Amino acid sequence: MTENKYDTVVVGGGVAGLTASVYLARAGQKVLLVEKNNECGGLVNTFNRDGFYFDAGVRALLDAGIIFTMLKDLNIELEVVKSPVSLGIANEIINIKDIDSLEEYRNLLKKFYPGSGGEIDEVIMIIRKVMKHMDVLYGIENPVFKDLKRDPGFIFKKILPWFPRFLFTVRKINRMNNPVEDYLKTIVKDPSLRDMISQHFFRNTPSFFALSYFSLYLDYFYPRGGVGKLPEALKGKLLEFGGELKTKTKITGVFPAEHSVKDDQNLSYIYKNLIWAADLKTLYRIAETETLSPAIKATIEETRAKILSNRGGDSVFTMFLEVDEPLESFGKIAHGHFFYTPLKQGLGETHREELNDLLNNFAQVGKEEILNWLDKFTRLNTYEISIPGLKDPILVPPGKTGVIISLLAEYDLFKQINEAGWLDEFIKELEDRVLKVISDSVYPLLKDKVIARFSFTPLSIESRVGSSEGGITGWEFQESMPVINKIQIADRSVLTPIPSVYQAGQWVYSPAGVPMSILTGKIAADKVLKR
């Protein structure tokens, strides 16, 4: 067995692992980043098929006072453009330009739900308040990425005036920590209207973060060349600073007592510190604790039980279309980032109770019953539609358009259907229905113009990214979370009970996203350097 010695080994080449590795390498450490796939980026990834560039995970990025601050600190130039958002219900579409577009959204809801005018006004008022809090929360460059010793003016001019407002905002956030579905029930009586507002979000998303979506829509940006340009830039910096990168390598064992990890080629790597920026369930499944002291082992076992008993958050089904129609045709309808609901009825219990009944009685349920449910599910859903070429025309062949259509999907449904042996058939049925719903409503130009199509399922995400249950935002929201989910103690989110092991990324904080993954990567690196 070959051994290699490092100051820090980082496992997981998503943006969290890349961030941690870059900062450690810049500080002069001998660093190894290990990634199981051929490419880095995880859920921040762009790929090419037939000359069409598609984003495999996130469709746009949000700065949150973190991404641009990090890029500036690392002297990375990333050319970006705004990623404007459209919202649509049935045949009504609004293009969001600025804060005044909130009035258009109010009018859109009132047009479809005229009997709920007062409740809609109250929801809009709450969204305005949340937007003001978001301005505070992400209103300054994140100090974690600033050298405060060299820039004391930042402390006195920025942090000190901002900090009391930040504490006030945190109190407001914590008061709105209940699930958005429950929160809206206290305001909105019409269940269809509640659905129209809430089915954009993951199940049980905390109210504050759910109702901040209008702020997010105003702040989305897109790197020229695709979202994958961000991890590509970080990878370049890692190599520039002398860090090592090993791809197509899977870590299969963690041995804290020996300060070593083992890969799938039976190679061993010795570390002083380990940063785990991959799926946390995997860490606790493969961590060897028998040779640790009884007290440390007991603490790890307690955390292991908590981690393994929880589930990854909601997953998605994504269909990619290569279309023989120019970008201009699509640009006349909506922006390149588009949230669309074909019917005002809303999902109701289709994605909750009805689906749970199917899953709980799967052995007795026939294909026809599942496909009947699928009909309803696809007709009533909300879709996230992304057209990369409308943000950067070089991402498609001339005269063509690449279209990405996503909807929230239940991992267990795909898993049980796969075990029943008809996953490929189910995927085709789902693709057919999604394409029909979208082409019968907002994009009739898709009919007879699709050159090729293919899909990623929650099982695809679990396999490629490695996330438990195909989750894309970390953990399923529960009353008791297995990880930190309070912004004021985010610095603790990287700590583990395993000696000299830190955690970072999508699976160590909820709700998580690209900015939080980057932030936890930097915090983990800082913890290592302070040791």
Protein backbone atom coordinates (compact mmCIF):
# COMPACT_ATOMS: atom_id res chain seq x y z
CA MET A 1 0.00 0.00 0.00
CA THR A 2 1.50 3.34 -1.11
CA GLU A 3 1.36 6.24 1.35
CA ASN A 4 1.45 9.98 0.60
CA LYS A 5 1.69 12.62 3.32
CA TYR A 6 -0.16 15.95 3.26
CA ASP A 7 -0.87 18.84 5.58
CA THR A 8 -4.53 18.63 4.57
CA VAL A 9 -6.53 16.22 2.47
CA VAL A 10 -9.83 17.58 1.13
CA VAL A 11 -12.45 15.08 -0.04
CA GLY A 12 -15.04 16.35 -2.53
CA GLY A 13 -14.32 18.66 -5.46
CA GLY A 14 -17.49 20.75 -5.37
CA VAL A 15 -17.21 24.47 -4.74
CA ALA A 16 -16.78 23.92 -0.98
CA GLY A 17 -13.86 21.53 -1.41
CA LEU A 18 -12.31 23.71 -4.10
CA THR A 19 -12.61 26.81 -1.92
CA ALA A 20 -11.03 25.12 1.10
CA SER A 21 -8.22 23.67 -1.03
CA VAL A 22 -7.41 26.97 -2.74
CA TYR A 23 -7.13 28.90 0.52
CA LEU A 24 -4.99 26.21 2.15
CA ALA A 25 -2.70 26.01 -0.88
CA ARG A 26 -2.40 29.80 -0.98
CA ALA A 27 -1.30 29.70 2.67
CA GLY A 28 1.54 27.34 1.74
CA GLN A 29 0.10 24.02 2.87
CA LYS A 30 0.70 20.78 1.02
CA VAL A 31 -2.88 20.03 -0.03
CA LEU A 32 -4.53 17.17 -1.89
CA LEU A 33 -8.07 17.51 -3.24
CA VAL A 34 -9.74 14.17 -4.07
CA GLU A 35 -12.79 14.07 -6.38
CA LYS A 36 -14.60 10.89 -7.42
CA ASN A 37 -15.73 12.24 -10.81
CA ASN A 38 -13.65 13.23 -13.81
CA GLU A 39 -14.63 16.89 -13.36
CA CYS A 40 -14.95 19.17 -10.35
CA GLY A 41 -17.93 21.32 -9.45
CA GLY A 42 -20.55 18.88 -8.18
CA LEU A 43 -23.91 20.61 -8.57
CA VAL A 44 -22.16 23.60 -10.16
CA ASN A 45 -21.37 22.08 -13.51
CA THR A 46 -21.74 22.81 -17.23
CA PHE A 47 -21.40 20.14 -19.92
CA ASN A 48 -21.46 20.00 -23.72
CA ARG A 49 -23.60 17.65 -25.78
CA ASP A 50 -23.84 17.94 -29.55
CA GLY A 51 -22.64 21.54 -29.37
CA PHE A 52 -25.32 22.48 -26.81
CA TYR A 53 -24.05 23.58 -23.38
CA PHE A 54 -26.25 22.67 -20.43
CA ASP A 55 -25.97 23.42 -16.70
CA ALA A 56 -26.25 20.12 -14.83
CA GLY A 57 -27.14 21.53 -11.42
CA VAL A 58 -27.78 25.15 -10.46
CA ARG A 59 -29.03 27.35 -13.32
CA ALA A 60 -27.64 30.66 -12.03
CA LEU A 61 -25.62 31.97 -9.10
CA LEU A 62 -26.36 34.29 -6.19
CA ASP A 63 -23.60 36.47 -4.75
CA ALA A 64 -24.94 36.87 -1.16
CA GLY A 65 -21.91 39.02 -0.36
CA ILE A 66 -19.74 35.92 -0.72
CA ILE A 67 -18.96 34.87 -4.31
CA PHE A 68 -17.72 38.21 -5.67
CA THR A 69 -15.84 38.89 -2.43
CA MET A 70 -14.08 35.54 -2.72
CA LEU A 71 -13.25 36.08 -6.39
CA LYS A 72 -11.80 39.50 -5.59
CA ASP A 73 -9.74 38.09 -2.72
CA LEU A 74 -8.34 35.33 -4.95
CA ASN A 75 -7.76 37.71 -7.86
CA ILE A 76 -10.05 35.67 -10.12
CA GLU A 77 -11.66 37.42 -13.07
CA LEU A 78 -14.98 35.81 -13.96
CA GLU A 79 -16.99 37.45 -16.70
CA VAL A 80 -20.66 37.44 -15.71
CA VAL A 81 -24.00 38.72 -16.94
CA LYS A 82 -27.29 39.29 -15.17
CA SER A 83 -29.65 36.31 -15.20
CA PRO A 84 -33.10 37.96 -15.29
CA VAL A 85 -36.08 35.91 -14.17
CA SER A 86 -39.61 35.57 -15.53
CA LEU A 87 -42.63 34.29 -13.59
CA GLY A 88 -45.68 32.82 -15.27
CA ILE A 89 -49.07 31.31 -14.49
CA ALA A 90 -51.04 29.83 -17.41
CA ASN A 91 -50.88 32.42 -20.21
CA GLU A 92 -49.74 35.36 -18.05
CA ILE A 93 -46.00 36.06 -17.78
CA ILE A 94 -44.14 38.88 -16.05
CA ASN A 95 -40.49 39.76 -16.56
CA ILE A 96 -38.88 40.77 -13.29
CA LYS A 97 -36.77 43.91 -13.65
CA ASP A 98 -36.52 45.51 -10.21
CA ILE A 99 -38.34 45.97 -6.92
CA ASP A 100 -41.28 47.56 -8.76
CA SER A 101 -41.93 44.21 -10.43
CA LEU A 102 -43.34 43.10 -7.08
CA GLU A 103 -46.43 45.15 -7.95
CA GLU A 104 -46.75 43.22 -11.21
CA TYR A 105 -46.54 40.01 -9.20
CA ARG A 106 -49.28 41.27 -6.87
CA ASN A 107 -51.50 42.03 -9.86
CA LEU A 108 -50.73 38.65 -11.42
CA LEU A 109 -51.89 36.83 -8.29
CA LYS A 110 -54.98 39.00 -7.95
CA LYS A 111 -55.95 38.29 -11.55
CA PHE A 112 -56.06 34.56 -10.86
CA TYR A 113 -57.35 34.77 -7.27
CA PRO A 114 -59.63 37.82 -7.22
CA GLY A 115 -61.32 36.76 -3.99
CA SER A 116 -58.05 36.82 -2.04
CA GLY A 117 -56.96 40.43 -2.61
CA GLY A 118 -56.41 41.28 1.04
CA GLU A 119 -54.43 38.14 1.70
CA ILE A 120 -52.27 38.75 -1.38
CA ASP A 121 -51.57 42.28 -0.15
CA GLU A 122 -50.43 40.87 3.19
CA VAL A 123 -48.14 38.33 1.51
CA ILE A 124 -46.61 41.07 -0.66
CA MET A 125 -46.06 43.23 2.43
CA ILE A 126 -44.27 40.35 4.16
CA ILE A 127 -42.12 39.74 1.06
CA ARG A 128 -41.14 43.43 1.09
CA LYS A 129 -40.08 43.17 4.74
CA VAL A 130 -38.10 40.00 4.05
CA MET A 131 -36.38 41.71 1.12
CA LYS A 132 -35.25 44.51 3.43
CA HIS A 133 -33.87 41.93 5.84
CA MET A 134 -32.08 40.22 2.94
CA ASP A 135 -30.49 43.54 2.03
CA VAL A 136 -29.02 43.59 5.54
CA LEU A 137 -28.08 39.92 5.63
CA TYR A 138 -26.09 40.05 2.40
CA GLY A 139 -25.55 43.80 2.28
CA ILE A 140 -21.79 43.86 2.84
CA GLU A 141 -18.82 41.89 1.59
CA ASN A 142 -18.60 38.87 3.86
CA PRO A 143 -15.83 39.58 6.39
CA VAL A 144 -14.69 35.93 6.36
CA PHE A 145 -13.03 36.70 3.01
CA LYS A 146 -11.46 39.98 4.14
CA ASP A 147 -8.02 40.50 5.69
CA LEU A 148 -9.25 42.64 8.57
CA LYS A 149 -5.74 43.24 9.93
CA ARG A 150 -4.75 44.93 6.69
CA ASP A 151 -8.08 46.69 6.25
CA PRO A 152 -9.15 48.10 9.65
CA GLY A 153 -11.24 50.69 7.85
CA PHE A 154 -13.60 47.90 6.77
CA ILE A 155 -14.28 47.12 10.43
CA PHE A 156 -15.11 50.68 11.41
CA LYS A 157 -16.84 51.81 8.22
CA LYS A 158 -18.72 48.62 7.35
CA ILE A 159 -18.93 45.96 10.06
CA LEU A 160 -19.61 48.10 13.14
CA PRO A 161 -22.50 50.08 11.58
CA TRP A 162 -23.89 46.88 10.02
CA PHE A 163 -23.64 44.52 12.98
CA PRO A 164 -26.61 45.79 15.08
CA ARG A 165 -28.83 45.61 12.00
CA PHE A 166 -27.53 42.09 11.36
CA LEU A 167 -28.47 40.96 14.89
CA PHE A 168 -31.95 42.45 14.47
CA THR A 169 -32.32 40.63 11.14
CA VAL A 170 -31.21 37.32 12.68
CA ARG A 171 -33.95 37.63 15.30
CA LYS A 172 -36.48 38.15 12.51
CA ILE A 173 -35.12 35.13 10.63
CA ASN A 174 -35.44 32.91 13.67
CA ARG A 175 -39.06 33.98 14.18
CA MET A 176 -39.84 32.81 10.64
CA ASN A 177 -38.15 29.43 10.91
CA ASN A 178 -41.34 27.38 10.59
CA PRO A 179 -42.17 25.68 7.25
CA VAL A 180 -43.52 28.04 4.61
CA GLU A 181 -46.54 25.79 4.00
CA ASP A 182 -47.61 26.18 7.65
CA TYR A 183 -46.79 29.89 7.71
CA LEU A 184 -48.95 30.62 4.67
CA LYS A 185 -51.90 28.78 6.23
CA THR A 186 -52.06 31.52 8.85
CA ILE A 187 -52.46 34.16 6.13
CA VAL A 188 -53.98 32.62 3.00
CA LYS A 189 -57.24 30.63 3.03
CA ASP A 190 -57.31 29.55 -0.63
CA PRO A 191 -55.20 26.36 -0.88
CA SER A 192 -54.55 26.93 -4.60
CA LEU A 193 -53.12 30.38 -3.90
CA ARG A 194 -50.95 28.92 -1.13
CA ASP A 195 -49.68 26.35 -3.60
CA MET A 196 -48.98 28.99 -6.22
CA ILE A 197 -46.69 30.75 -3.76
CA SER A 198 -45.13 27.77 -1.99
CA GLN A 199 -44.66 25.10 -4.64
CA HIS A 200 -41.64 26.99 -6.00
CA PHE A 201 -39.78 25.80 -2.90
CA PHE A 202 -38.47 22.64 -1.34
CA ARG A 203 -40.75 20.90 1.14
CA ASN A 204 -40.80 22.57 4.56
CA THR A 205 -38.41 25.35 3.54
CA PRO A 206 -38.18 27.85 6.45
CA SER A 207 -40.57 30.74 5.79
CA PHE A 208 -37.94 33.47 5.81
CA PHE A 209 -35.81 31.86 3.11
CA ALA A 210 -38.83 30.83 1.05
CA LEU A 211 -40.32 34.32 1.02
CA SER A 212 -36.97 35.86 0.15
CA TYR A 213 -37.28 34.45 -3.36
CA PHE A 214 -38.05 37.82 -4.94
CA SER A 215 -34.71 39.13 -3.66
CA LEU A 216 -32.98 36.14 -5.20
CA TYR A 217 -34.70 36.69 -8.53
CA LEU A 218 -33.32 40.22 -8.66
CA ASP A 219 -29.76 39.18 -7.82
CA TYR A 220 -29.12 36.10 -9.97
CA PHE A 221 -26.07 36.28 -12.24
CA TYR A 222 -24.60 33.90 -14.79
CA PRO A 223 -20.94 33.33 -15.75
CA ARG A 224 -20.26 33.58 -19.47
CA GLY A 225 -19.65 30.03 -20.64
CA GLY A 226 -21.96 28.52 -17.99
CA VAL A 227 -22.03 28.11 -14.21
CA GLY A 228 -19.20 25.56 -14.55
CA LYS A 229 -16.81 28.45 -15.14
CA LEU A 230 -16.80 29.11 -11.37
CA PRO A 231 -15.34 25.74 -10.29
CA GLU A 232 -13.11 25.81 -13.36
CA ALA A 233 -11.62 29.10 -12.13
CA LEU A 234 -11.14 27.75 -8.60
CA LYS A 235 -9.46 24.63 -9.96
CA GLY A 236 -7.05 26.83 -11.91
CA LYS A 237 -6.14 28.75 -8.75
CA LEU A 238 -5.61 25.54 -6.80
CA LEU A 239 -3.08 24.32 -9.33
CA GLU A 240 -1.49 27.79 -9.57
CA PHE A 241 -0.89 27.77 -5.80
CA GLY A 242 0.71 24.32 -5.97
CA GLY A 243 -2.18 22.24 -4.70
CA GLU A 244 -2.66 18.69 -5.95
CA LEU A 245 -5.86 17.41 -7.54
CA LYS A 246 -6.75 13.77 -7.98
CA THR A 247 -9.95 13.04 -9.94
CA LYS A 248 -11.73 9.75 -10.70
CA THR A 249 -10.75 8.67 -7.19
CA LYS A 250 -13.20 7.57 -4.51
CA ILE A 251 -12.34 7.59 -0.81
CA THR A 252 -13.49 4.29 0.69
CA GLY A 253 -12.08 4.46 4.21
CA VAL A 254 -11.34 7.09 6.86
CA PHE A 255 -9.04 6.11 9.74
CA PRO A 256 -8.90 8.96 12.29
CA ALA A 257 -6.57 7.16 14.72
CA GLU A 258 -3.97 6.81 11.96
CA HIS A 259 -4.80 10.18 10.35
CA SER A 260 -5.26 8.48 7.00
CA VAL A 261 -7.78 7.86 4.24
CA LYS A 262 -7.83 5.05 1.69
CA ASP A 263 -9.11 5.21 -1.89
CA ASP A 264 -10.69 2.68 -4.24
CA GLN A 265 -7.24 1.80 -5.64
CA ASN A 266 -6.08 0.83 -2.13
CA LEU A 267 -3.80 3.88 -1.96
CA SER A 268 -3.46 5.53 1.42
CA TYR A 269 -3.00 9.24 2.16
CA ILE A 270 -1.71 10.54 5.50
CA TYR A 271 -3.07 13.88 6.69
CA LYS A 272 -2.61 16.27 9.58
CA ASN A 273 -6.11 17.57 8.91
CA LEU A 274 -8.98 16.25 6.81
CA ILE A 275 -11.76 18.41 5.34
CA TRP A 276 -14.75 16.35 4.24
CA ALA A 277 -16.60 18.32 1.55
CA ALA A 278 -18.64 15.39 0.25
CA ASP A 279 -21.79 13.60 1.44
CA LEU A 280 -21.84 13.41 5.25
CA LYS A 281 -23.62 10.06 5.40
CA THR A 282 -20.73 8.57 3.44
CA LEU A 283 -18.21 9.96 5.94
CA TYR A 284 -19.99 8.39 8.90
CA ARG A 285 -20.49 5.09 7.08
CA ILE A 286 -16.81 4.64 6.28
CA ALA A 287 -15.15 6.26 9.33
CA GLU A 288 -13.32 3.63 11.41
CA THR A 289 -13.74 4.39 15.13
CA GLU A 290 -12.77 1.14 16.86
CA THR A 291 -9.23 2.24 17.70
CA LEU A 292 -10.27 5.63 19.15
CA SER A 293 -10.74 6.25 22.86
CA PRO A 294 -14.13 5.15 24.28
CA ALA A 295 -15.20 8.76 24.99
CA ILE A 296 -14.42 10.01 21.47
CA LYS A 297 -15.95 6.90 19.93
CA ALA A 298 -19.18 7.38 21.89
CA THR A 299 -19.49 10.98 20.71
CA ILE A 300 -18.89 9.98 17.10
CA GLU A 301 -21.43 7.15 17.34
CA GLU A 302 -24.05 9.57 18.65
CA THR A 303 -23.45 11.90 15.71
CA ARG A 304 -23.35 8.95 13.30
CA ALA A 305 -26.79 7.81 14.43
CA LYS A 306 -28.21 11.30 13.97
CA ILE A 307 -26.68 11.76 10.51
CA LEU A 308 -27.68 8.35 9.17
CA SER A 309 -31.26 8.62 10.44
CA ASN A 310 -31.91 11.84 8.53
CA ARG A 311 -32.60 12.25 4.82
CA GLY A 312 -31.23 14.41 2.06
CA GLY A 313 -33.52 17.25 0.96
CA ASP A 314 -35.80 17.32 -2.06
CA SER A 315 -34.37 16.25 -5.36
CA VAL A 316 -35.23 17.17 -8.95
CA PHE A 317 -36.01 15.61 -12.29
CA THR A 318 -34.41 17.51 -15.16
CA MET A 319 -35.02 17.15 -18.88
CA PHE A 320 -32.59 18.58 -21.44
CA LEU A 321 -33.83 19.46 -24.91
CA GLU A 322 -31.89 20.19 -28.11
CA VAL A 323 -34.29 22.28 -30.18
CA ASP A 324 -34.24 23.24 -33.87
CA GLU A 325 -35.52 26.77 -33.25
CA PRO A 326 -33.53 30.01 -32.84
CA LEU A 327 -33.06 31.69 -29.47
CA GLU A 328 -35.04 34.73 -30.59
CA SER A 329 -38.26 32.70 -30.69
CA PHE A 330 -37.89 31.78 -27.02
CA GLY A 331 -36.69 35.25 -26.00
CA LYS A 332 -40.00 36.73 -27.17
CA ILE A 333 -41.83 34.62 -24.58
CA ALA A 334 -39.75 34.82 -21.39
CA HIS A 335 -36.27 35.37 -19.95
CA GLY A 336 -33.68 32.62 -19.89
CA HIS A 337 -34.53 31.77 -16.27
CA PHE A 338 -38.25 31.13 -15.98
CA PHE A 339 -40.52 29.79 -13.22
CA TYR A 340 -43.75 28.63 -14.81
CA THR A 341 -46.97 27.05 -13.53
CA PRO A 342 -49.34 25.89 -16.32
CA LEU A 343 -52.51 25.82 -14.19
CA LYS A 344 -53.66 27.98 -11.28
CA GLN A 345 -55.12 25.01 -9.42
CA GLY A 346 -51.88 24.08 -7.65
CA LEU A 347 -50.59 20.67 -6.66
CA GLY A 348 -52.65 20.33 -3.50
CA GLU A 349 -51.87 16.94 -1.99
CA THR A 350 -50.64 15.46 -5.29
CA HIS A 351 -46.98 15.74 -4.31
CA ARG A 352 -47.54 14.89 -0.65
CA GLU A 353 -50.39 12.66 0.57
CA GLU A 354 -51.24 11.02 -2.75
CA LEU A 355 -47.61 10.25 -3.49
CA ASN A 356 -47.03 8.94 0.04
CA ASP A 357 -50.00 6.59 -0.38
CA LEU A 358 -48.47 5.27 -3.61
CA LEU A 359 -45.09 4.74 -2.01
CA ASN A 360 -46.46 3.13 1.17
CA ASN A 361 -48.54 0.68 -0.87
CA PHE A 362 -46.18 0.30 -3.79
CA ALA A 363 -46.35 -3.49 -3.94
CA GLN A 364 -50.11 -3.32 -4.48
CA VAL A 365 -50.07 -0.37 -6.90
CA GLY A 366 -50.08 -1.01 -10.65
CA LYS A 367 -48.32 0.96 -13.38
CA GLU A 368 -51.60 2.47 -14.55
CA GLU A 369 -52.30 4.00 -11.15
CA ILE A 370 -48.80 5.49 -10.98
CA LEU A 371 -49.08 6.91 -14.50
CA ASN A 372 -52.51 8.39 -13.69
CA TRP A 373 -50.91 10.13 -10.71
CA LEU A 374 -48.08 11.27 -13.00
CA ASP A 375 -50.61 12.89 -15.36
CA LYS A 376 -51.93 15.03 -12.55
CA PHE A 377 -48.50 15.71 -11.10
CA THR A 378 -47.09 17.09 -14.35
CA ARG A 379 -50.17 19.18 -15.19
CA LEU A 380 -50.30 20.94 -11.82
CA ASN A 381 -46.60 21.38 -11.12
CA THR A 382 -44.32 24.41 -11.21
CA TYR A 383 -41.35 24.20 -13.57
CA GLU A 384 -37.97 25.87 -13.53
CA ILE A 385 -37.03 26.46 -17.16
CA SER A 386 -33.55 27.59 -18.13
CA ILE A 387 -32.28 28.55 -21.57
CA PRO A 388 -28.50 29.08 -21.30
CA GLY A 389 -28.27 30.60 -24.81
CA LEU A 390 -30.49 33.54 -23.81
CA LYS A 391 -27.82 34.44 -21.24
CA ASP A 392 -24.83 33.65 -23.44
CA PRO A 393 -25.52 32.92 -27.15
CA ILE A 394 -22.23 31.07 -27.65
CA LEU A 395 -23.67 28.15 -25.65
CA VAL A 396 -25.75 26.84 -28.56
CA PRO A 397 -25.15 26.12 -32.25
CA PRO A 398 -26.38 28.91 -34.58
CA GLY A 399 -30.13 28.82 -35.10
CA LYS A 400 -30.67 26.30 -32.29
CA THR A 401 -31.75 26.45 -28.62
CA GLY A 402 -30.94 24.33 -25.60
CA VAL A 403 -33.76 24.12 -23.04
CA ILE A 404 -33.54 22.77 -19.48
CA ILE A 405 -36.81 21.91 -17.70
CA SER A 406 -36.79 20.89 -14.01
CA LEU A 407 -39.36 19.96 -11.40
CA LEU A 408 -39.10 18.82 -7.80
CA ALA A 409 -39.07 15.02 -7.62
CA GLU A 410 -39.24 12.35 -4.93
CA TYR A 411 -36.18 10.11 -4.71
CA ASP A 412 -38.10 7.17 -3.23
CA LEU A 413 -40.48 7.03 -6.20
CA PHE A 414 -37.61 6.61 -8.66
CA LYS A 415 -35.86 4.16 -6.36
CA GLN A 416 -38.90 1.89 -6.00
CA ILE A 417 -39.69 2.02 -9.72
CA ASN A 418 -36.07 1.16 -10.48
CA GLU A 419 -36.25 -1.82 -8.12
CA ALA A 420 -39.49 -2.87 -9.84
CA GLY A 421 -37.61 -2.95 -13.15
CA TRP A 422 -39.33 -0.28 -15.24
CA LEU A 423 -37.31 2.88 -14.60
CA ASP A 424 -36.49 3.54 -18.28
CA GLU A 425 -40.17 3.23 -19.18
CA PHE A 426 -41.14 5.58 -16.35
CA ILE A 427 -38.55 8.18 -17.39
CA LYS A 428 -39.89 8.14 -20.96
CA GLU A 429 -43.46 8.51 -19.69
CA LEU A 430 -42.41 11.44 -17.51
CA GLU A 431 -40.47 13.10 -20.34
CA ASP A 432 -43.47 12.71 -22.66
CA ARG A 433 -45.82 14.32 -20.17
CA VAL A 434 -43.52 17.22 -19.27
CA LEU A 435 -42.90 17.98 -22.93
CA LYS A 436 -46.63 17.84 -23.69
CA VAL A 437 -47.54 20.14 -20.77
CA ILE A 438 -44.94 22.74 -21.73
CA SER A 439 -45.57 22.59 -25.50
CA ASP A 440 -49.36 22.73 -25.01
CA SER A 441 -49.00 25.88 -22.90
CA VAL A 442 -46.12 28.34 -22.84
CA TYR A 443 -43.83 26.99 -25.59
CA PRO A 444 -45.96 25.67 -28.48
CA LEU A 445 -42.90 26.14 -30.70
CA LEU A 446 -41.41 23.01 -29.09
CA LYS A 447 -43.81 20.79 -31.03
CA ASP A 448 -41.96 18.85 -33.74
CA LYS A 449 -38.78 20.90 -33.11
CA VAL A 450 -37.00 18.74 -30.51
CA ILE A 451 -33.91 17.18 -32.07
CA ALA A 452 -32.87 15.19 -28.99
CA ARG A 453 -33.79 14.88 -25.34
CA PHE A 454 -32.36 13.21 -22.23
CA SER A 455 -32.87 13.42 -18.48
CA PHE A 456 -31.25 13.36 -15.06
CA THR A 457 -33.23 11.79 -12.21
CA PRO A 458 -32.72 11.85 -8.42
CA LEU A 459 -30.89 8.53 -8.89
CA SER A 460 -28.57 10.22 -11.41
CA ILE A 461 -27.79 12.97 -8.90
CA GLU A 462 -27.11 10.47 -6.13
CA SER A 463 -24.77 8.53 -8.41
CA ARG A 464 -22.88 11.46 -9.96
CA VAL A 465 -22.77 13.98 -7.11
CA GLY A 466 -22.85 11.42 -4.30
CA SER A 467 -25.57 13.18 -2.30
CA SER A 468 -27.80 10.98 -0.15
CA GLU A 469 -31.31 10.58 -1.59
CA GLY A 470 -30.26 12.78 -4.49
CA GLY A 471 -30.74 15.87 -2.32
CA ILE A 472 -29.71 19.19 -3.84
CA THR A 473 -30.01 21.54 -0.84
CA GLY A 474 -28.43 19.46 1.89
CA TRP A 475 -30.87 18.01 4.38
CA GLU A 476 -34.61 17.53 4.51
CA PHE A 477 -36.07 20.22 6.74
CA GLN A 478 -37.07 18.77 10.13
CA GLU A 479 -37.73 20.15 13.59
CA SER A 480 -34.42 18.64 14.67
CA MET A 481 -31.76 19.15 12.00
CA PRO A 482 -28.61 16.98 11.93
CA VAL A 483 -26.50 20.04 11.04
CA ILE A 484 -26.29 23.75 11.84
CA ASN A 485 -29.06 25.88 10.34
CA LYS A 486 -28.65 29.22 12.12
CA ILE A 487 -26.64 31.85 10.27
CA GLN A 488 -25.24 33.43 13.44
CA ILE A 489 -23.41 30.20 14.35
CA ALA A 490 -22.40 29.19 10.82
CA ASP A 491 -18.77 29.03 11.97
CA ARG A 492 -19.65 25.95 14.04
CA SER A 493 -21.08 24.13 11.05
CA VAL A 494 -17.63 22.86 10.02
CA LEU A 495 -16.82 21.09 13.30
CA THR A 496 -17.09 17.33 13.70
CA PRO A 497 -16.52 15.02 16.69
CA ILE A 498 -13.87 13.16 14.68
CA PRO A 499 -10.34 14.28 15.64
CA SER A 500 -8.70 16.59 13.07
CA VAL A 501 -11.66 16.22 10.70
CA TYR A 502 -13.73 19.19 9.51
CA GLN A 503 -16.77 19.25 7.25
CA ALA A 504 -17.80 21.72 4.55
CA GLY A 505 -20.29 22.18 1.76
CA GLN A 506 -23.85 21.53 0.76
CA TRP A 507 -24.47 18.84 3.37
CA VAL A 508 -23.26 20.65 6.52
CA TYR A 509 -25.76 23.51 6.64
CA SER A 510 -29.46 23.91 5.84
CA PRO A 511 -30.77 25.65 3.87
CA ALA A 512 -27.65 25.43 1.77
CA GLY A 513 -26.62 26.75 -1.61
CA VAL A 514 -23.53 27.78 -3.53
CA PRO A 515 -22.69 30.81 -1.31
CA MET A 516 -23.04 28.77 1.88
CA SER A 517 -20.96 25.96 0.40
CA ILE A 518 -18.21 28.45 -0.42
CA LEU A 519 -18.48 30.05 3.01
CA THR A 520 -18.17 26.76 4.88
CA GLY A 521 -15.22 25.79 2.69
CA LYS A 522 -13.43 28.99 3.68
CA ILE A 523 -14.34 28.60 7.36
CA ALA A 524 -13.02 25.03 7.37
CA ALA A 525 -9.76 26.20 5.80
CA ASP A 526 -9.46 28.95 8.42
CA LYS A 527 -9.98 26.43 11.24
CA VAL A 528 -7.20 24.27 9.85
CA LEU A 529 -4.82 27.22 9.49
CA LYS A 530 -5.50 28.44 13.04
CA ARG A 531 -4.41 25.06 14.37
